[in-house]
Structure formats: C-alpha cells, structure tokens
Amino acid sequence: MKDPLGLIRIIRPVNSIMVGFAILVGIIIGGGREMLESYLILTYAFLTGFLLSGSSMAINDYYDRDIDAINEPKRVIPSGSLEPNEALIWSIILAILGLLAAYLTSWIHLGLAFLAWGASIFYATKGKKTGLLGNVIVSACVSLPFVYGGLLVGDTAFFSSLIFTFIAFLTNTGREITKGIVDIEGDKAEGINTIVVMHGSEKAAISSIILYLTAVGFSALPIIWEIVTFWYIPFILITDIGLVYASYSLFRNHSRDNSRKIKNIVRILMIIGLFGFLVGSIFG
C-alpha cells in the first residue's frame, strides 16, 4: 500500500457519512424522536449505512479502474495510491461489518441491507453499462436509507418518510445523469450506454433539469401536508434555489467542465436538504 490514506479516500467519507446520517434522519421524520435515546440501535443503524456505502464505493472503484484512468486519473486506484486487490479486500471487510451491524439491528434490516448491498454490487459489475437503469439503481440505494430508518420506528408515521425518499431519488438521479456528461469519454471507451453517450449532452442535460425541477416541486409537499415545521423551509429554500440555478446553468452550458461543477453543487445542496429534513422534523 503506497498511501495508507487511500483506504479512507476510496470509501468517500463524506458520501458514506451522509448515508449513515440519512438513516438517522429517516428515523426522526418517520416519527421516531423517542428512539434518539436508543443509542445502541442508532449506532448500529448509522454504521450499517456508513460501512455498506463505503463498501459499495470501494467495489465500484475496483471495477471502474480502467474508466477512472480516463475520467478521473487522480482517484485512488488509477493514481497508484491503492492496489486493486487492496480495494477489493477492503470492500469485503466493510460489507461484512456493515451486514453485521444490520443483523444486530433486526432481521428485517439485515434483509434490506443485504438487498441494497447486492444492488450496489450488481451496479458495479453489470448495471453500470445499462446507463439509465444504472442511474436508477444508484439513486434507489442513495434514497433507501430514509426507508431503512423509518422501518425502525414501527409506526404508520413511517410513511411520511417516503416523500423524502422520493425527493432524494429524483435529485440524485438528476445528478447521476449530469455526472454521465462528465464521464462521457471513459463511458464511451467502456461501452456504457448512458443518456449522454446514446443521445448527446443536450438531451442528458434536459433530463437532469426535468428531474431537478420535479424534485423542487415535490419539496413543497411536506409543508402542504404539515409533515414538517417552519424550520424545514429555510434549508429547503436554499436547496430549491440552488437546484433552479443548477438547472439554468446546465441548460445554458452542458459542457463537461460545467457539468462537473453542477454535480458538485448538487451534492452540497443535497446535504443542505438533508439538514432541512432533519430540523423540520425535530424542532417546532
């Protein structure tokens, strides 16, 4: 191992923390505030999301190493910081630990965690080449933590988490399509049939814009249905204004460089929106 930090970098710590945190948010928006005192269960829930997300990131980089050599040569494997087999072993270790944490939560959560991990493996090995279907698989795994957390509540209020699941799904699918514009060179070389490869950057950009703006529209429903308090509004306004800006920018300029900027902006907006889901469910 040339770079010990490569083991940390390959799991995308920010992304993995977001997944673990999203499970906790799913518990709260599902009506489970009282579970905040169940520290052990909350720890298992967070670790399940964090570890399995890290595992999926590592396995994805293992299978994407040739594509990344073209699209993202500074990533851990193509840069030589980590050997491919080291990434594979690290992914397996994280998966075992993540599934163990899910087992310690409940059998239902173990099944759901295994399903999500299996979907991420399918995406890395075969699903990625399907283009839009691959985008949908990734977004399902990204939005699933809200459902996973909501299931811990065991209350009909759990279904309120589904609207947040759908908003996250729409936004992330848009981001995945935008990311396809950035990755077009490597995807073409590897025969990955993304929207941009099949139909061009303009149609890919329009597809992303439709998804972003649809997510903005649905973000008003928690307020209309009185699922959240006032404190949801400031955060979601920032997210929505940002998504509208991202859509406008992408419409005006769907080049690879601008698409890279937009996908990074959208990730930040998703984090802000996640905090909006949280504070709007806790305070007030």
Protein backbone atom coordinates (compact mmCIF):
# COMPACT_ATOMS: atom_id res chain seq x y z
CA MET A 1 0.00 0.00 0.00
CA LYS A 2 1.68 3.20 -1.17
CA ASP A 3 -0.71 5.58 0.59
CA PRO A 4 -2.37 4.49 3.87
CA LEU A 5 -4.91 7.28 3.42
CA GLY A 6 -6.01 5.53 0.24
CA LEU A 7 -8.12 3.17 2.37
CA ILE A 8 -10.01 6.17 3.71
CA ARG A 9 -10.25 8.07 0.44
CA ILE A 10 -11.70 5.15 -1.51
CA ILE A 11 -14.82 4.93 0.70
CA ARG A 12 -15.68 8.62 0.03
CA PRO A 13 -16.06 9.51 3.74
CA VAL A 14 -18.42 12.44 3.12
CA ASN A 15 -20.77 10.33 1.00
CA SER A 16 -20.68 7.42 3.44
CA ILE A 17 -21.36 9.67 6.43
CA MET A 18 -24.31 11.14 4.52
CA VAL A 19 -25.79 7.67 4.03
CA GLY A 20 -25.44 6.82 7.72
CA PHE A 21 -26.85 10.19 8.70
CA ALA A 22 -29.78 9.76 6.28
CA ILE A 23 -30.82 6.62 8.18
CA LEU A 24 -30.96 8.65 11.40
CA VAL A 25 -32.99 11.31 9.62
CA GLY A 26 -35.33 8.59 8.34
CA ILE A 27 -35.96 7.54 11.95
CA ILE A 28 -36.84 11.07 13.01
CA ILE A 29 -39.04 12.02 10.05
CA GLY A 30 -40.80 8.68 10.44
CA GLY A 31 -41.95 9.84 13.86
CA GLY A 32 -39.33 8.15 16.00
CA ARG A 33 -37.96 11.03 18.09
CA GLU A 34 -38.14 8.88 21.21
CA MET A 35 -35.63 6.49 19.59
CA LEU A 36 -32.95 9.17 19.89
CA GLU A 37 -32.36 7.77 23.37
CA SER A 38 -31.69 4.27 21.98
CA TYR A 39 -28.02 4.94 21.42
CA LEU A 40 -27.02 1.37 20.64
CA ILE A 41 -29.65 0.90 17.91
CA LEU A 42 -28.84 4.32 16.46
CA THR A 43 -25.15 3.38 16.36
CA TYR A 44 -25.88 0.11 14.57
CA ALA A 45 -28.16 1.92 12.10
CA PHE A 46 -25.56 4.59 11.33
CA LEU A 47 -22.75 2.06 10.98
CA THR A 48 -24.82 -0.06 8.60
CA GLY A 49 -25.25 2.87 6.22
CA PHE A 50 -21.68 4.13 6.59
CA LEU A 51 -19.96 0.76 6.19
CA LEU A 52 -22.08 -0.56 3.32
CA SER A 53 -21.78 2.76 1.47
CA GLY A 54 -18.01 2.60 1.91
CA SER A 55 -18.00 -0.99 0.67
CA SER A 56 -20.00 -0.09 -2.44
CA MET A 57 -17.71 2.89 -3.17
CA ALA A 58 -14.63 0.66 -2.95
CA ILE A 59 -16.07 -2.12 -5.12
CA ASN A 60 -17.25 0.44 -7.66
CA ASP A 61 -13.75 1.92 -7.89
CA TYR A 62 -12.32 -1.59 -8.27
CA TYR A 63 -14.48 -2.30 -11.32
CA ASP A 64 -14.19 1.27 -12.65
CA ARG A 65 -10.41 1.46 -12.50
CA ASP A 66 -9.98 1.46 -16.30
CA ILE A 67 -12.72 4.08 -16.77
CA ASP A 68 -11.29 6.21 -13.96
CA ALA A 69 -7.87 6.06 -15.60
CA ILE A 70 -9.51 8.15 -18.35
CA ASN A 71 -12.13 10.18 -16.48
CA GLU A 72 -10.61 10.61 -13.01
CA PRO A 73 -6.89 9.69 -13.09
CA LYS A 74 -6.34 11.22 -9.62
CA ARG A 75 -8.62 8.70 -7.93
CA VAL A 76 -7.10 6.20 -5.53
CA ILE A 77 -6.56 3.18 -7.81
CA PRO A 78 -5.51 4.85 -11.09
CA SER A 79 -3.17 7.19 -9.19
CA GLY A 80 -1.43 4.16 -7.68
CA SER A 81 -2.26 5.05 -4.06
CA LEU A 82 -4.02 1.71 -3.63
CA GLU A 83 -3.70 -1.60 -5.46
CA PRO A 84 -6.93 -3.02 -6.99
CA ASN A 85 -6.81 -6.14 -4.80
CA GLU A 86 -6.42 -3.99 -1.68
CA ALA A 87 -9.57 -2.09 -2.63
CA LEU A 88 -11.42 -5.38 -3.17
CA ILE A 89 -10.36 -6.79 0.21
CA TRP A 90 -11.28 -3.51 1.93
CA SER A 91 -14.71 -3.62 0.29
CA ILE A 92 -15.36 -7.17 1.55
CA ILE A 93 -14.30 -6.29 5.11
CA LEU A 94 -16.59 -3.24 5.18
CA ALA A 95 -19.50 -5.27 3.76
CA ILE A 96 -19.16 -7.96 6.45
CA LEU A 97 -19.05 -5.35 9.22
CA GLY A 98 -21.98 -3.42 7.73
CA LEU A 99 -24.16 -6.53 7.43
CA LEU A 100 -23.24 -7.49 10.98
CA ALA A 101 -24.42 -4.08 12.19
CA ALA A 102 -27.69 -4.61 10.27
CA TYR A 103 -28.11 -8.06 11.85
CA LEU A 104 -27.69 -6.53 15.31
CA THR A 105 -30.49 -4.11 14.40
CA SER A 106 -33.09 -6.67 13.22
CA TRP A 107 -33.62 -9.48 10.72
CA ILE A 108 -35.75 -7.16 8.55
CA HIS A 109 -32.96 -4.60 8.45
CA LEU A 110 -30.42 -7.29 7.62
CA GLY A 111 -32.56 -8.30 4.64
CA LEU A 112 -32.94 -4.71 3.47
CA ALA A 113 -29.23 -4.01 3.94
CA PHE A 114 -28.30 -7.16 2.02
CA LEU A 115 -30.67 -6.14 -0.79
CA ALA A 116 -29.08 -2.68 -1.00
CA TRP A 117 -25.56 -4.11 -0.93
CA GLY A 118 -26.48 -6.66 -3.60
CA ALA A 119 -27.89 -3.87 -5.78
CA SER A 120 -24.64 -1.91 -5.44
CA ILE A 121 -22.64 -5.00 -6.46
CA PHE A 122 -24.90 -5.54 -9.46
CA TYR A 123 -24.44 -1.90 -10.44
CA ALA A 124 -20.65 -2.09 -10.20
CA THR A 125 -20.39 -5.33 -12.19
CA LYS A 126 -23.18 -5.13 -14.78
CA GLY A 127 -25.77 -2.44 -14.05
CA LYS A 128 -23.48 0.48 -14.84
CA LYS A 129 -23.40 -0.50 -18.51
CA THR A 130 -27.19 -0.16 -18.77
CA GLY A 131 -27.00 3.63 -18.43
CA LEU A 132 -30.30 4.99 -17.11
CA LEU A 133 -31.16 1.77 -15.26
CA GLY A 134 -27.78 2.03 -13.54
CA ASN A 135 -28.58 5.62 -12.55
CA VAL A 136 -31.88 4.44 -11.07
CA ILE A 137 -30.15 1.67 -9.08
CA VAL A 138 -27.66 4.15 -7.58
CA SER A 139 -30.44 6.59 -6.68
CA ALA A 140 -32.52 3.82 -5.11
CA CYS A 141 -29.55 2.93 -2.89
CA VAL A 142 -29.00 6.61 -2.01
CA SER A 143 -32.66 7.19 -1.06
CA LEU A 144 -33.20 3.81 0.64
CA PRO A 145 -31.67 4.94 3.98
CA PHE A 146 -34.79 7.02 4.70
CA VAL A 147 -36.92 3.88 4.39
CA TYR A 148 -34.37 1.85 6.38
CA GLY A 149 -34.50 4.37 9.21
CA GLY A 150 -38.27 4.71 9.02
CA LEU A 151 -38.70 0.96 9.46
CA LEU A 152 -37.09 1.23 12.88
CA VAL A 153 -39.98 3.38 14.05
CA GLY A 154 -42.62 0.70 13.61
CA ASP A 155 -45.36 3.29 13.28
CA THR A 156 -47.67 4.37 10.47
CA ALA A 157 -45.88 7.73 10.60
CA PHE A 158 -43.07 5.86 8.84
CA PHE A 159 -44.85 6.52 5.54
CA SER A 160 -44.14 10.24 5.90
CA SER A 161 -40.51 9.36 5.18
CA LEU A 162 -41.47 8.12 1.73
CA ILE A 163 -41.92 11.65 0.34
CA PHE A 164 -38.37 12.50 1.41
CA THR A 165 -37.21 9.23 -0.16
CA PHE A 166 -38.81 10.25 -3.45
CA ILE A 167 -37.29 13.78 -3.37
CA ALA A 168 -33.83 12.33 -2.74
CA PHE A 169 -34.36 9.77 -5.51
CA LEU A 170 -35.29 12.43 -8.09
CA THR A 171 -32.42 14.73 -7.18
CA ASN A 172 -29.78 12.02 -7.17
CA THR A 173 -30.97 10.55 -10.48
CA GLY A 174 -30.58 14.01 -12.00
CA ARG A 175 -27.10 14.23 -10.53
CA GLU A 176 -26.16 10.79 -11.89
CA ILE A 177 -27.22 11.85 -15.40
CA THR A 178 -25.22 15.09 -15.03
CA LYS A 179 -22.25 13.01 -13.87
CA GLY A 180 -22.62 10.98 -17.08
CA ILE A 181 -21.80 14.13 -19.08
CA VAL A 182 -18.59 14.48 -17.06
CA ASP A 183 -17.66 10.81 -17.55
CA ILE A 184 -18.53 10.58 -21.25
CA GLU A 185 -15.00 9.81 -22.51
CA GLY A 186 -14.41 6.83 -20.25
CA ASP A 187 -18.00 5.61 -20.59
CA LYS A 188 -17.73 5.61 -24.38
CA ALA A 189 -14.48 3.67 -24.22
CA GLU A 190 -16.05 1.03 -21.96
CA GLY A 191 -19.37 0.77 -23.85
CA ILE A 192 -21.52 2.23 -21.07
CA ASN A 193 -24.83 3.36 -22.54
CA THR A 194 -25.56 6.48 -20.54
CA ILE A 195 -28.05 9.04 -21.83
CA VAL A 196 -25.26 11.34 -22.97
CA VAL A 197 -23.47 8.53 -24.83
CA MET A 198 -26.68 7.41 -26.55
CA HIS A 199 -28.40 10.76 -27.16
CA GLY A 200 -25.90 13.56 -26.62
CA SER A 201 -25.17 16.11 -23.90
CA GLU A 202 -28.17 18.36 -24.64
CA LYS A 203 -30.75 15.62 -24.04
CA ALA A 204 -28.85 14.41 -20.99
CA ALA A 205 -28.84 17.96 -19.59
CA ILE A 206 -32.58 18.34 -20.23
CA SER A 207 -33.24 15.01 -18.50
CA SER A 208 -31.30 16.19 -15.45
CA ILE A 209 -33.13 19.52 -15.43
CA ILE A 210 -36.55 17.83 -15.51
CA LEU A 211 -35.58 15.68 -12.53
CA TYR A 212 -34.14 18.60 -10.56
CA LEU A 213 -37.20 20.78 -11.11
CA THR A 214 -39.58 17.92 -10.32
CA ALA A 215 -37.76 17.45 -7.02
CA VAL A 216 -38.21 21.17 -6.33
CA GLY A 217 -41.94 20.83 -6.94
CA PHE A 218 -42.29 17.83 -4.63
CA SER A 219 -40.28 19.57 -1.89
CA ALA A 220 -43.37 21.68 -1.11
CA LEU A 221 -45.49 18.64 -0.21
CA PRO A 222 -44.07 18.13 3.32
CA ILE A 223 -45.15 21.71 4.09
CA ILE A 224 -48.59 21.33 2.50
CA TRP A 225 -49.19 18.03 4.30
CA GLU A 226 -47.86 19.53 7.57
CA ILE A 227 -45.26 16.78 7.97
CA VAL A 228 -42.59 19.33 8.93
CA THR A 229 -42.32 22.56 10.88
CA PHE A 230 -41.28 26.04 9.77
CA TRP A 231 -37.60 25.17 10.24
CA TYR A 232 -37.69 22.96 7.16
CA ILE A 233 -38.37 26.00 4.97
CA PRO A 234 -35.05 27.96 5.16
CA PHE A 235 -32.98 24.88 4.31
CA ILE A 236 -35.23 23.66 1.53
CA LEU A 237 -35.41 27.17 0.03
CA ILE A 238 -31.61 27.20 -0.29
CA THR A 239 -31.73 23.73 -1.84
CA ASP A 240 -34.54 24.62 -4.25
CA ILE A 241 -33.00 27.93 -5.35
CA GLY A 242 -29.72 26.09 -5.86
CA LEU A 243 -31.38 23.39 -7.98
CA VAL A 244 -33.13 26.03 -10.09
CA TYR A 245 -29.78 27.77 -10.60
CA ALA A 246 -28.12 24.44 -11.44
CA SER A 247 -30.87 23.73 -13.97
CA TYR A 248 -30.48 27.15 -15.60
CA SER A 249 -26.69 26.83 -15.72
CA LEU A 250 -26.88 23.33 -17.19
CA PHE A 251 -29.40 24.48 -19.80
CA ARG A 252 -27.14 27.34 -20.87
CA ASN A 253 -23.93 25.30 -20.79
CA HIS A 254 -23.92 21.50 -20.77
CA SER A 255 -20.18 21.17 -21.35
CA ARG A 256 -18.15 18.62 -19.43
CA ASP A 257 -16.49 21.27 -17.24
CA ASN A 258 -19.74 22.98 -16.29
CA SER A 259 -21.45 19.63 -15.67
CA ARG A 260 -18.65 18.73 -13.25
CA LYS A 261 -19.30 21.98 -11.38
CA ILE A 262 -23.05 21.33 -11.30
CA LYS A 263 -22.75 17.77 -9.99
CA ASN A 264 -20.56 19.04 -7.14
CA ILE A 265 -23.02 21.84 -6.35
CA VAL A 266 -25.93 19.40 -6.31
CA ARG A 267 -24.15 17.16 -3.80
CA ILE A 268 -23.80 20.16 -1.45
CA LEU A 269 -27.46 21.06 -2.00
CA MET A 270 -28.47 17.50 -1.11
CA ILE A 271 -26.58 17.81 2.19
CA ILE A 272 -28.38 21.10 2.94
CA GLY A 273 -31.71 19.49 2.06
CA LEU A 274 -30.90 16.58 4.35
CA PHE A 275 -30.44 19.01 7.25
CA GLY A 276 -33.76 20.60 6.28
CA PHE A 277 -35.49 17.22 6.56
CA LEU A 278 -33.90 16.79 9.99
CA VAL A 279 -34.52 20.16 11.65
CA GLY A 280 -38.00 20.38 10.16
CA SER A 281 -38.86 17.11 11.85
CA ILE A 282 -37.23 17.81 15.23
CA PHE A 283 -37.91 21.47 16.03
CA GLY A 284 -41.17 23.29 16.32
